[in-house]
Amino acid sequence: MNDIRVTIRVDKDLKARAESLFERLGMNMTTALNVFLRKAVDEAAIPFVVSAKPAGFGGGHSPGDITQAFEAAVHNKLAENQRQGLATARYDAKKKQAYLVSADGTLDLVR
């Protein structure tokens, strides 16, 4: 056998949560770490994104900030679709009716 022992320091709560997860996946900590190491070596990279950039909307954003960002993203996507000549789906909440708006501005009800 060519195995060696590796010792690492891990937060106690993180270790307990990880062990619980790995148990649900049918493996122990050693197996899980070996899976990670093999995947990293196979890909010649960390097998997930590692970034200093905050992911998504972390702390410090109000619901209004998130809603505004969502509305802007939807508006931008609709404008992009229109520039590309693609129809866009819309919904009239008062009429409770979905419809398509073609690039030339014509409306088609969705039945």
PDB file of N, CA and C in Angstrom:
ATOM      1  N   MET A   1       0.844  -1.180   0.000  1.00  0.00           N
ATOM      2  CA  MET A   1       0.000   0.000   0.000  1.00  0.00           C
ATOM      3  C   MET A   1       0.885   1.237   0.000  1.00  0.00           C
ATOM      4  N   ASN A   2       0.497   2.241  -0.756  1.00  0.00           N
ATOM      5  CA  ASN A   2       1.305   3.435  -0.936  1.00  0.00           C
ATOM      6  C   ASN A   2       0.675   4.655  -0.272  1.00  0.00           C
ATOM      7  N   ASP A   3      -0.213   4.445   0.698  1.00  0.00           N
ATOM      8  CA  ASP A   3      -0.908   5.549   1.360  1.00  0.00           C
ATOM      9  C   ASP A   3      -0.023   6.212   2.395  1.00  0.00           C
ATOM     10  N   ILE A   4      -0.231   7.519   2.578  1.00  0.00           N
ATOM     11  CA  ILE A   4       0.424   8.261   3.658  1.00  0.00           C
ATOM     12  C   ILE A   4      -0.645   8.999   4.437  1.00  0.00           C
ATOM     13  N   ARG A   5      -0.322   9.376   5.649  1.00  0.00           N
ATOM     14  CA  ARG A   5      -1.250  10.129   6.490  1.00  0.00           C
ATOM     15  C   ARG A   5      -1.026  11.617   6.253  1.00  0.00           C
ATOM     16  N   VAL A   6      -2.134  12.365   6.087  1.00  0.00           N
ATOM     17  CA  VAL A   6      -2.094  13.817   5.929  1.00  0.00           C
ATOM     18  C   VAL A   6      -2.906  14.412   7.070  1.00  0.00           C
ATOM     19  N   THR A   7      -2.354  15.401   7.738  1.00  0.00           N
ATOM     20  CA  THR A   7      -3.047  16.049   8.843  1.00  0.00           C
ATOM     21  C   THR A   7      -3.383  17.483   8.440  1.00  0.00           C
ATOM     22  N   ILE A   8      -4.650  17.862   8.626  1.00  0.00           N
ATOM     23  CA  ILE A   8      -5.069  19.236   8.323  1.00  0.00           C
ATOM     24  C   ILE A   8      -5.869  19.789   9.495  1.00  0.00           C
ATOM     25  N   ARG A   9      -5.915  21.102   9.574  1.00  0.00           N
ATOM     26  CA  ARG A   9      -6.729  21.764  10.603  1.00  0.00           C
ATOM     27  C   ARG A   9      -8.005  22.267   9.939  1.00  0.00           C
ATOM     28  N   VAL A  10      -9.139  21.958  10.581  1.00  0.00           N
ATOM     29  CA  VAL A  10     -10.447  22.347  10.059  1.00  0.00           C
ATOM     30  C   VAL A  10     -11.308  22.803  11.225  1.00  0.00           C
ATOM     31  N   ASP A  11     -12.117  23.822  10.986  1.00  0.00           N
ATOM     32  CA  ASP A  11     -13.071  24.284  11.984  1.00  0.00           C
ATOM     33  C   ASP A  11     -13.945  23.114  12.441  1.00  0.00           C
ATOM     34  N   LYS A  12     -14.150  23.006  13.747  1.00  0.00           N
ATOM     35  CA  LYS A  12     -14.881  21.878  14.329  1.00  0.00           C
ATOM     36  C   LYS A  12     -16.286  21.747  13.748  1.00  0.00           C
ATOM     37  N   ASP A  13     -17.019  22.851  13.635  1.00  0.00           N
ATOM     38  CA  ASP A  13     -18.383  22.815  13.106  1.00  0.00           C
ATOM     39  C   ASP A  13     -18.386  22.431  11.621  1.00  0.00           C
ATOM     40  N   LEU A  14     -17.439  22.972  10.869  1.00  0.00           N
ATOM     41  CA  LEU A  14     -17.333  22.632   9.450  1.00  0.00           C
ATOM     42  C   LEU A  14     -17.076  21.138   9.281  1.00  0.00           C
ATOM     43  N   LYS A  15     -16.187  20.592  10.094  1.00  0.00           N
ATOM     44  CA  LYS A  15     -15.873  19.158  10.023  1.00  0.00           C
ATOM     45  C   LYS A  15     -17.123  18.324  10.291  1.00  0.00           C
ATOM     46  N   ALA A  16     -17.874  18.686  11.312  1.00  0.00           N
ATOM     47  CA  ALA A  16     -19.082  17.927  11.660  1.00  0.00           C
ATOM     48  C   ALA A  16     -20.110  17.999  10.532  1.00  0.00           C
ATOM     49  N   ARG A  17     -20.299  19.188   9.955  1.00  0.00           N
ATOM     50  CA  ARG A  17     -21.256  19.343   8.860  1.00  0.00           C
ATOM     51  C   ARG A  17     -20.806  18.578   7.622  1.00  0.00           C
ATOM     52  N   ALA A  18     -19.502  18.620   7.344  1.00  0.00           N
ATOM     53  CA  ALA A  18     -18.964  17.894   6.186  1.00  0.00           C
ATOM     54  C   ALA A  18     -19.129  16.384   6.384  1.00  0.00           C
ATOM     55  N   GLU A  19     -18.817  15.890   7.580  1.00  0.00           N
ATOM     56  CA  GLU A  19     -18.970  14.460   7.850  1.00  0.00           C
ATOM     57  C   GLU A  19     -20.421  14.031   7.685  1.00  0.00           C
ATOM     58  N   SER A  20     -21.346  14.862   8.132  1.00  0.00           N
ATOM     59  CA  SER A  20     -22.766  14.558   7.989  1.00  0.00           C
ATOM     60  C   SER A  20     -23.156  14.481   6.508  1.00  0.00           C
ATOM     61  N   LEU A  21     -22.688  15.428   5.726  1.00  0.00           N
ATOM     62  CA  LEU A  21     -22.950  15.419   4.287  1.00  0.00           C
ATOM     63  C   LEU A  21     -22.358  14.181   3.633  1.00  0.00           C
ATOM     64  N   PHE A  22     -21.100  13.919   3.907  1.00  0.00           N
ATOM     65  CA  PHE A  22     -20.429  12.779   3.274  1.00  0.00           C
ATOM     66  C   PHE A  22     -21.091  11.459   3.658  1.00  0.00           C
ATOM     67  N   GLU A  23     -21.561  11.365   4.895  1.00  0.00           N
ATOM     68  CA  GLU A  23     -22.261  10.159   5.333  1.00  0.00           C
ATOM     69  C   GLU A  23     -23.530   9.963   4.501  1.00  0.00           C
ATOM     70  N   ARG A  24     -24.265  11.060   4.257  1.00  0.00           N
ATOM     71  CA  ARG A  24     -25.470  10.972   3.426  1.00  0.00           C
ATOM     72  C   ARG A  24     -25.122  10.563   1.997  1.00  0.00           C
ATOM     73  N   LEU A  25     -23.911  10.893   1.560  1.00  0.00           N
ATOM     74  CA  LEU A  25     -23.450  10.527   0.220  1.00  0.00           C
ATOM     75  C   LEU A  25     -22.810   9.145   0.188  1.00  0.00           C
ATOM     76  N   GLY A  26     -22.743   8.502   1.348  1.00  0.00           N
ATOM     77  CA  GLY A  26     -22.214   7.137   1.415  1.00  0.00           C
ATOM     78  C   GLY A  26     -20.701   7.067   1.470  1.00  0.00           C
ATOM     79  N   MET A  27     -20.068   8.086   1.995  1.00  0.00           N
ATOM     80  CA  MET A  27     -18.611   8.054   2.100  1.00  0.00           C
ATOM     81  C   MET A  27     -18.163   8.716   3.389  1.00  0.00           C
ATOM     82  N   ASN A  28     -16.890   8.545   3.713  1.00  0.00           N
ATOM     83  CA  ASN A  28     -16.322   9.203   4.883  1.00  0.00           C
ATOM     84  C   ASN A  28     -15.439  10.368   4.429  1.00  0.00           C
ATOM     85  N   MET A  29     -14.862  11.055   5.383  1.00  0.00           N
ATOM     86  CA  MET A  29     -14.034  12.230   5.085  1.00  0.00           C
ATOM     87  C   MET A  29     -12.846  11.851   4.203  1.00  0.00           C
ATOM     88  N   THR A  30     -12.192  10.755   4.480  1.00  0.00           N
ATOM     89  CA  THR A  30     -11.028  10.325   3.694  1.00  0.00           C
ATOM     90  C   THR A  30     -11.414  10.104   2.236  1.00  0.00           C
ATOM     91  N   THR A  31     -12.513   9.399   2.020  1.00  0.00           N
ATOM     92  CA  THR A  31     -12.969   9.139   0.649  1.00  0.00           C
ATOM     93  C   THR A  31     -13.316  10.451  -0.056  1.00  0.00           C
ATOM     94  N   ALA A  32     -14.022  11.327   0.632  1.00  0.00           N
ATOM     95  CA  ALA A  32     -14.414  12.607   0.031  1.00  0.00           C
ATOM     96  C   ALA A  32     -13.187  13.438  -0.350  1.00  0.00           C
ATOM     97  N   LEU A  33     -12.200  13.495   0.517  1.00  0.00           N
ATOM     98  CA  LEU A  33     -10.996  14.265   0.204  1.00  0.00           C
ATOM     99  C   LEU A  33     -10.220  13.628  -0.942  1.00  0.00           C
ATOM    100  N   ASN A  34     -10.205  12.289  -1.001  1.00  0.00           N
ATOM    101  CA  ASN A  34      -9.563  11.617  -2.131  1.00  0.00           C
ATOM    102  C   ASN A  34     -10.299  11.905  -3.437  1.00  0.00           C
ATOM    103  N   VAL A  35     -11.638  11.953  -3.398  1.00  0.00           N
ATOM    104  CA  VAL A  35     -12.417  12.301  -4.585  1.00  0.00           C
ATOM    105  C   VAL A  35     -12.022  13.704  -5.049  1.00  0.00           C
ATOM    106  N   PHE A  36     -11.972  14.648  -4.113  1.00  0.00           N
ATOM    107  CA  PHE A  36     -11.578  16.018  -4.443  1.00  0.00           C
ATOM    108  C   PHE A  36     -10.179  16.060  -5.067  1.00  0.00           C
ATOM    109  N   LEU A  37      -9.217  15.394  -4.435  1.00  0.00           N
ATOM    110  CA  LEU A  37      -7.836  15.422  -4.931  1.00  0.00           C
ATOM    111  C   LEU A  37      -7.720  14.783  -6.313  1.00  0.00           C
ATOM    112  N   ARG A  38      -8.392  13.651  -6.518  1.00  0.00           N
ATOM    113  CA  ARG A  38      -8.344  13.004  -7.833  1.00  0.00           C
ATOM    114  C   ARG A  38      -8.949  13.893  -8.915  1.00  0.00           C
ATOM    115  N   LYS A  39     -10.073  14.528  -8.603  1.00  0.00           N
ATOM    116  CA  LYS A  39     -10.735  15.418  -9.566  1.00  0.00           C
ATOM    117  C   LYS A  39      -9.834  16.612  -9.886  1.00  0.00           C
ATOM    118  N   ALA A  40      -9.205  17.181  -8.879  1.00  0.00           N
ATOM    119  CA  ALA A  40      -8.303  18.313  -9.097  1.00  0.00           C
ATOM    120  C   ALA A  40      -7.128  17.913  -9.981  1.00  0.00           C
ATOM    121  N   VAL A  41      -6.550  16.753  -9.717  1.00  0.00           N
ATOM    122  CA  VAL A  41      -5.423  16.278 -10.527  1.00  0.00           C
ATOM    123  C   VAL A  41      -5.871  15.977 -11.954  1.00  0.00           C
ATOM    124  N   ASP A  42      -7.025  15.322 -12.116  1.00  0.00           N
ATOM    125  CA  ASP A  42      -7.539  15.006 -13.459  1.00  0.00           C
ATOM    126  C   ASP A  42      -7.778  16.264 -14.289  1.00  0.00           C
ATOM    127  N   GLU A  43      -8.293  17.306 -13.648  1.00  0.00           N
ATOM    128  CA  GLU A  43      -8.609  18.551 -14.359  1.00  0.00           C
ATOM    129  C   GLU A  43      -7.443  19.533 -14.361  1.00  0.00           C
ATOM    130  N   ALA A  44      -6.395  19.225 -13.607  1.00  0.00           N
ATOM    131  CA  ALA A  44      -5.257  20.136 -13.439  1.00  0.00           C
ATOM    132  C   ALA A  44      -5.731  21.515 -12.979  1.00  0.00           C
ATOM    133  N   ALA A  45      -6.722  21.500 -12.072  1.00  0.00           N
ATOM    134  CA  ALA A  45      -7.305  22.746 -11.567  1.00  0.00           C
ATOM    135  C   ALA A  45      -8.146  22.439 -10.333  1.00  0.00           C
ATOM    136  N   ILE A  46      -8.465  23.474  -9.585  1.00  0.00           N
ATOM    137  CA  ILE A  46      -9.448  23.329  -8.520  1.00  0.00           C
ATOM    138  C   ILE A  46     -10.770  23.033  -9.227  1.00  0.00           C
ATOM    139  N   PRO A  47     -11.499  21.974  -8.859  1.00  0.00           N
ATOM    140  CA  PRO A  47     -12.688  21.578  -9.620  1.00  0.00           C
ATOM    141  C   PRO A  47     -13.948  22.392  -9.335  1.00  0.00           C
ATOM    142  N   PHE A  48     -13.787  23.623  -8.954  1.00  0.00           N
ATOM    143  CA  PHE A  48     -14.899  24.564  -8.786  1.00  0.00           C
ATOM    144  C   PHE A  48     -14.300  25.956  -8.835  1.00  0.00           C
ATOM    145  N   VAL A  49     -15.147  26.967  -9.013  1.00  0.00           N
ATOM    146  CA  VAL A  49     -14.675  28.342  -9.147  1.00  0.00           C
ATOM    147  C   VAL A  49     -14.168  28.854  -7.803  1.00  0.00           C
ATOM    148  N   VAL A  50     -12.976  29.395  -7.823  1.00  0.00           N
ATOM    149  CA  VAL A  50     -12.403  30.059  -6.656  1.00  0.00           C
ATOM    150  C   VAL A  50     -12.201  31.513  -7.059  1.00  0.00           C
ATOM    151  N   SER A  51     -12.833  32.417  -6.327  1.00  0.00           N
ATOM    152  CA  SER A  51     -12.809  33.819  -6.738  1.00  0.00           C
ATOM    153  C   SER A  51     -12.829  34.736  -5.526  1.00  0.00           C
ATOM    154  N   ALA A  52     -12.170  35.884  -5.669  1.00  0.00           N
ATOM    155  CA  ALA A  52     -12.224  36.905  -4.621  1.00  0.00           C
ATOM    156  C   ALA A  52     -13.480  37.756  -4.786  1.00  0.00           C
ATOM    157  N   LYS A  53     -14.144  37.609  -5.922  1.00  0.00           N
ATOM    158  CA  LYS A  53     -15.360  38.356  -6.212  1.00  0.00           C
ATOM    159  C   LYS A  53     -16.513  37.777  -5.405  1.00  0.00           C
ATOM    160  N   PRO A  54     -17.316  38.635  -4.763  1.00  0.00           N
ATOM    161  CA  PRO A  54     -18.463  38.121  -4.009  1.00  0.00           C
ATOM    162  C   PRO A  54     -19.432  37.387  -4.935  1.00  0.00           C
ATOM    163  N   ALA A  55     -19.948  36.283  -4.477  1.00  0.00           N
ATOM    164  CA  ALA A  55     -20.894  35.502  -5.272  1.00  0.00           C
ATOM    165  C   ALA A  55     -22.301  36.061  -5.089  1.00  0.00           C
ATOM    166  N   GLY A  56     -22.948  36.378  -6.188  1.00  0.00           N
ATOM    167  CA  GLY A  56     -24.342  36.811  -6.152  1.00  0.00           C
ATOM    168  C   GLY A  56     -24.549  38.016  -5.267  1.00  0.00           C
ATOM    169  N   PHE A  57     -25.664  38.035  -4.571  1.00  0.00           N
ATOM    170  CA  PHE A  57     -26.004  39.122  -3.665  1.00  0.00           C
ATOM    171  C   PHE A  57     -25.700  38.676  -2.245  1.00  0.00           C
ATOM    172  N   GLY A  58     -24.526  39.025  -1.769  1.00  0.00           N
ATOM    173  CA  GLY A  58     -24.168  38.711  -0.396  1.00  0.00           C
ATOM    174  C   GLY A  58     -24.844  39.681   0.552  1.00  0.00           C
ATOM    175  N   GLY A  59     -24.346  39.755   1.743  1.00  0.00           N
ATOM    176  CA  GLY A  59     -24.905  40.664   2.726  1.00  0.00           C
ATOM    177  C   GLY A  59     -24.794  42.115   2.295  1.00  0.00           C
ATOM    178  N   GLY A  60     -25.615  42.946   2.856  1.00  0.00           N
ATOM    179  CA  GLY A  60     -25.533  44.373   2.585  1.00  0.00           C
ATOM    180  C   GLY A  60     -26.421  44.855   1.448  1.00  0.00           C
ATOM    181  N   HIS A  61     -27.188  43.951   0.833  1.00  0.00           N
ATOM    182  CA  HIS A  61     -28.091  44.349  -0.237  1.00  0.00           C
ATOM    183  C   HIS A  61     -29.524  44.261   0.259  1.00  0.00           C
ATOM    184  N   SER A  62     -30.275  45.321   0.023  1.00  0.00           N
ATOM    185  CA  SER A  62     -31.671  45.326   0.449  1.00  0.00           C
ATOM    186  C   SER A  62     -32.524  44.566  -0.560  1.00  0.00           C
ATOM    187  N   PRO A  63     -33.712  44.156  -0.156  1.00  0.00           N
ATOM    188  CA  PRO A  63     -34.618  43.536  -1.129  1.00  0.00           C
ATOM    189  C   PRO A  63     -34.873  44.447  -2.332  1.00  0.00           C
ATOM    190  N   GLY A  64     -34.913  45.749  -2.093  1.00  0.00           N
ATOM    191  CA  GLY A  64     -35.100  46.704  -3.188  1.00  0.00           C
ATOM    192  C   GLY A  64     -33.940  46.678  -4.167  1.00  0.00           C
ATOM    193  N   ASP A  65     -32.705  46.555  -3.646  1.00  0.00           N
ATOM    194  CA  ASP A  65     -31.524  46.458  -4.514  1.00  0.00           C
ATOM    195  C   ASP A  65     -31.612  45.217  -5.404  1.00  0.00           C
ATOM    196  N   ILE A  66     -32.009  44.108  -4.801  1.00  0.00           N
ATOM    197  CA  ILE A  66     -32.093  42.851  -5.534  1.00  0.00           C
ATOM    198  C   ILE A  66     -33.202  42.921  -6.580  1.00  0.00           C
ATOM    199  N   THR A  67     -34.349  43.471  -6.200  1.00  0.00           N
ATOM    200  CA  THR A  67     -35.459  43.626  -7.150  1.00  0.00           C
ATOM    201  C   THR A  67     -35.053  44.526  -8.307  1.00  0.00           C
ATOM    202  N   GLN A  68     -34.383  45.616  -8.010  1.00  0.00           N
ATOM    203  CA  GLN A  68     -33.940  46.544  -9.054  1.00  0.00           C
ATOM    204  C   GLN A  68     -32.951  45.857  -9.997  1.00  0.00           C
ATOM    205  N   ALA A  69     -32.019  45.094  -9.463  1.00  0.00           N
ATOM    206  CA  ALA A  69     -31.048  44.389 -10.301  1.00  0.00           C
ATOM    207  C   ALA A  69     -31.749  43.343 -11.165  1.00  0.00           C
ATOM    208  N   PHE A  70     -32.732  42.646 -10.597  1.00  0.00           N
ATOM    209  CA  PHE A  70     -33.487  41.652 -11.358  1.00  0.00           C
ATOM    210  C   PHE A  70     -34.256  42.310 -12.494  1.00  0.00           C
ATOM    211  N   GLU A  71     -34.945  43.404 -12.196  1.00  0.00           N
ATOM    212  CA  GLU A  71     -35.716  44.106 -13.225  1.00  0.00           C
ATOM    213  C   GLU A  71     -34.803  44.614 -14.337  1.00  0.00           C
ATOM    214  N   ALA A  72     -33.626  45.115 -13.975  1.00  0.00           N
ATOM    215  CA  ALA A  72     -32.677  45.594 -14.983  1.00  0.00           C
ATOM    216  C   ALA A  72     -32.189  44.441 -15.858  1.00  0.00           C
ATOM    217  N   ALA A  73     -31.932  43.285 -15.250  1.00  0.00           N
ATOM    218  CA  ALA A  73     -31.478  42.127 -16.018  1.00  0.00           C
ATOM    219  C   ALA A  73     -32.558  41.658 -16.992  1.00  0.00           C
ATOM    220  N   VAL A  74     -33.807  41.634 -16.545  1.00  0.00           N
ATOM    221  CA  VAL A  74     -34.913  41.246 -17.422  1.00  0.00           C
ATOM    222  C   VAL A  74     -35.051  42.247 -18.559  1.00  0.00           C
ATOM    223  N   HIS A  75     -35.023  43.530 -18.229  1.00  0.00           N
ATOM    224  CA  HIS A  75     -35.125  44.575 -19.261  1.00  0.00           C
ATOM    225  C   HIS A  75     -34.004  44.437 -20.291  1.00  0.00           C
ATOM    226  N   ASN A  76     -32.780  44.212 -19.830  1.00  0.00           N
ATOM    227  CA  ASN A  76     -31.639  44.060 -20.745  1.00  0.00           C
ATOM    228  C   ASN A  76     -31.800  42.838 -21.643  1.00  0.00           C
ATOM    229  N   LYS A  77     -32.294  41.729 -21.080  1.00  0.00           N
ATOM    230  CA  LYS A  77     -32.488  40.515 -21.874  1.00  0.00           C
ATOM    231  C   LYS A  77     -33.581  40.722 -22.914  1.00  0.00           C
ATOM    232  N   LEU A  78     -34.665  41.382 -22.548  1.00  0.00           N
ATOM    233  CA  LEU A  78     -35.735  41.662 -23.502  1.00  0.00           C
ATOM    234  C   LEU A  78     -35.228  42.545 -24.639  1.00  0.00           C
ATOM    235  N   ALA A  79     -34.440  43.559 -24.299  1.00  0.00           N
ATOM    236  CA  ALA A  79     -33.880  44.447 -25.325  1.00  0.00           C
ATOM    237  C   ALA A  79     -32.929  43.677 -26.241  1.00  0.00           C
ATOM    238  N   GLU A  80     -32.125  42.788 -25.678  1.00  0.00           N
ATOM    239  CA  GLU A  80     -31.206  41.976 -26.479  1.00  0.00           C
ATOM    240  C   GLU A  80     -31.980  41.068 -27.434  1.00  0.00           C
ATOM    241  N   ASN A  81     -33.030  40.435 -26.934  1.00  0.00           N
ATOM    242  CA  ASN A  81     -33.867  39.583 -27.788  1.00  0.00           C
ATOM    243  C   ASN A  81     -34.483  40.385 -28.928  1.00  0.00           C
ATOM    244  N   GLN A  82     -34.947  41.585 -28.629  1.00  0.00           N
ATOM    245  CA  GLN A  82     -35.548  42.435 -29.659  1.00  0.00           C
ATOM    246  C   GLN A  82     -34.515  42.805 -30.719  1.00  0.00           C
ATOM    247  N   ARG A  83     -33.294  43.149 -30.301  1.00  0.00           N
ATOM    248  CA  ARG A  83     -32.226  43.480 -31.253  1.00  0.00           C
ATOM    249  C   ARG A  83     -31.904  42.292 -32.153  1.00  0.00           C
ATOM    250  N   GLN A  84     -32.034  41.090 -31.602  1.00  0.00           N
ATOM    251  CA  GLN A  84     -31.737  39.876 -32.363  1.00  0.00           C
ATOM    252  C   GLN A  84     -32.931  39.403 -33.191  1.00  0.00           C
ATOM    253  N   GLY A  85     -34.031  40.145 -33.137  1.00  0.00           N
ATOM    254  CA  GLY A  85     -35.210  39.776 -33.903  1.00  0.00           C
ATOM    255  C   GLY A  85     -36.009  38.643 -33.299  1.00  0.00           C
ATOM    256  N   LEU A  86     -35.819  38.378 -32.018  1.00  0.00           N
ATOM    257  CA  LEU A  86     -36.534  37.291 -31.344  1.00  0.00           C
ATOM    258  C   LEU A  86     -37.795  37.825 -30.672  1.00  0.00           C
ATOM    259  N   ALA A  87     -38.835  37.011 -30.684  1.00  0.00           N
ATOM    260  CA  ALA A  87     -40.050  37.372 -29.957  1.00  0.00           C
ATOM    261  C   ALA A  87     -39.782  37.239 -28.459  1.00  0.00           C
ATOM    262  N   THR A  88     -40.466  38.049 -27.677  1.00  0.00           N
ATOM    263  CA  THR A  88     -40.306  37.967 -26.227  1.00  0.00           C
ATOM    264  C   THR A  88     -41.662  37.712 -25.587  1.00  0.00           C
ATOM    265  N   ALA A  89     -41.666  36.908 -24.573  1.00  0.00           N
ATOM    266  CA  ALA A  89     -42.897  36.598 -23.859  1.00  0.00           C
ATOM    267  C   ALA A  89     -43.180  37.692 -22.844  1.00  0.00           C
ATOM    268  N   ARG A  90     -44.424  38.057 -22.738  1.00  0.00           N
ATOM    269  CA  ARG A  90     -44.884  39.045 -21.749  1.00  0.00           C
ATOM    270  C   ARG A  90     -46.142  38.504 -21.088  1.00  0.00           C
ATOM    271  N   TYR A  91     -46.530  39.140 -19.995  1.00  0.00           N
ATOM    272  CA  TYR A  91     -47.728  38.708 -19.279  1.00  0.00           C
ATOM    273  C   TYR A  91     -48.485  39.936 -18.817  1.00  0.00           C
ATOM    274  N   ASP A  92     -49.773  39.983 -19.134  1.00  0.00           N
ATOM    275  CA  ASP A  92     -50.654  41.059 -18.695  1.00  0.00           C
ATOM    276  C   ASP A  92     -51.364  40.568 -17.445  1.00  0.00           C
ATOM    277  N   ALA A  93     -50.934  41.076 -16.291  1.00  0.00           N
ATOM    278  CA  ALA A  93     -51.475  40.601 -15.017  1.00  0.00           C
ATOM    279  C   ALA A  93     -52.957  40.945 -14.863  1.00  0.00           C
ATOM    280  N   LYS A  94     -53.385  42.086 -15.386  1.00  0.00           N
ATOM    281  CA  LYS A  94     -54.803  42.471 -15.267  1.00  0.00           C
ATOM    282  C   LYS A  94     -55.691  41.527 -16.059  1.00  0.00           C
ATOM    283  N   LYS A  95     -55.266  41.196 -17.275  1.00  0.00           N
ATOM    284  CA  LYS A  95     -56.051  40.299 -18.127  1.00  0.00           C
ATOM    285  C   LYS A  95     -55.724  38.830 -17.861  1.00  0.00           C
ATOM    286  N   LYS A  96     -54.681  38.599 -17.083  1.00  0.00           N
ATOM    287  CA  LYS A  96     -54.205  37.237 -16.811  1.00  0.00           C
ATOM    288  C   LYS A  96     -53.982  36.486 -18.118  1.00  0.00           C
ATOM    289  N   GLN A  97     -53.219  37.144 -19.006  1.00  0.00           N
ATOM    290  CA  GLN A  97     -53.007  36.619 -20.350  1.00  0.00           C
ATOM    291  C   GLN A  97     -51.544  36.763 -20.746  1.00  0.00           C
ATOM    292  N   ALA A  98     -50.971  35.672 -21.235  1.00  0.00           N
ATOM    293  CA  ALA A  98     -49.606  35.715 -21.766  1.00  0.00           C
ATOM    294  C   ALA A  98     -49.674  36.058 -23.246  1.00  0.00           C
ATOM    295  N   TYR A  99     -48.644  36.753 -23.722  1.00  0.00           N
ATOM    296  CA  TYR A  99     -48.579  37.086 -25.134  1.00  0.00           C
ATOM    297  C   TYR A  99     -47.135  37.207 -25.571  1.00  0.00           C
ATOM    298  N   LEU A 100     -46.907  37.139 -26.866  1.00  0.00           N
ATOM    299  CA  LEU A 100     -45.580  37.308 -27.448  1.00  0.00           C
ATOM    300  C   LEU A 100     -45.530  38.643 -28.166  1.00  0.00           C
ATOM    301  N   VAL A 101     -44.416  39.317 -28.024  1.00  0.00           N
ATOM    302  CA  VAL A 101     -44.173  40.556 -28.757  1.00  0.00           C
ATOM    303  C   VAL A 101     -43.068  40.245 -29.757  1.00  0.00           C
ATOM    304  N   SER A 102     -43.406  40.339 -31.041  1.00  0.00           N
ATOM    305  CA  SER A 102     -42.404  40.056 -32.071  1.00  0.00           C
ATOM    306  C   SER A 102     -41.485  41.268 -32.216  1.00  0.00           C
ATOM    307  N   ALA A 103     -40.388  41.093 -32.935  1.00  0.00           N
ATOM    308  CA  ALA A 103     -39.416  42.174 -33.116  1.00  0.00           C
ATOM    309  C   ALA A 103     -40.033  43.388 -33.777  1.00  0.00           C
ATOM    310  N   ASP A 104     -41.067  43.189 -34.615  1.00  0.00           N
ATOM    311  CA  ASP A 104     -41.700  44.335 -35.287  1.00  0.00           C
ATOM    312  C   ASP A 104     -42.786  44.974 -34.437  1.00  0.00           C
ATOM    313  N   GLY A 105     -42.995  44.448 -33.208  1.00  0.00           N
ATOM    314  CA  GLY A 105     -43.945  45.047 -32.273  1.00  0.00           C
ATOM    315  C   GLY A 105     -45.324  44.439 -32.289  1.00  0.00           C
ATOM    316  N   THR A 106     -45.589  43.492 -33.183  1.00  0.00           N
ATOM    317  CA  THR A 106     -46.920  42.870 -33.202  1.00  0.00           C
ATOM    318  C   THR A 106     -47.078  41.938 -32.000  1.00  0.00           C
ATOM    319  N   LEU A 107     -48.322  41.827 -31.552  1.00  0.00           N
ATOM    320  CA  LEU A 107     -48.639  41.007 -30.385  1.00  0.00           C
ATOM    321  C   LEU A 107     -49.349  39.735 -30.815  1.00  0.00           C
ATOM    322  N   ASP A 108     -48.999  38.626 -30.250  1.00  0.00           N
ATOM    323  CA  ASP A 108     -49.669  37.359 -30.471  1.00  0.00           C
ATOM    324  C   ASP A 108     -50.036  36.770 -29.117  1.00  0.00           C
ATOM    325  N   LEU A 109     -51.333  36.539 -28.911  1.00  0.00           N
ATOM    326  CA  LEU A 109     -51.784  35.931 -27.659  1.00  0.00           C
ATOM    327  C   LEU A 109     -51.342  34.482 -27.579  1.00  0.00           C
ATOM    328  N   VAL A 110     -50.988  34.061 -26.391  1.00  0.00           N
ATOM    329  CA  VAL A 110     -50.617  32.674 -26.159  1.00  0.00           C
ATOM    330  C   VAL A 110     -51.854  31.983 -25.631  1.00  0.00           C
ATOM    331  N   ARG A 111     -52.225  30.914 -26.275  1.00  0.00           N
ATOM    332  CA  ARG A 111     -53.447  30.200 -25.864  1.00  0.00           C
ATOM    333  C   ARG A 111     -53.094  28.936 -25.148  1.00  0.00           C
TER     334      ARG A 111
END
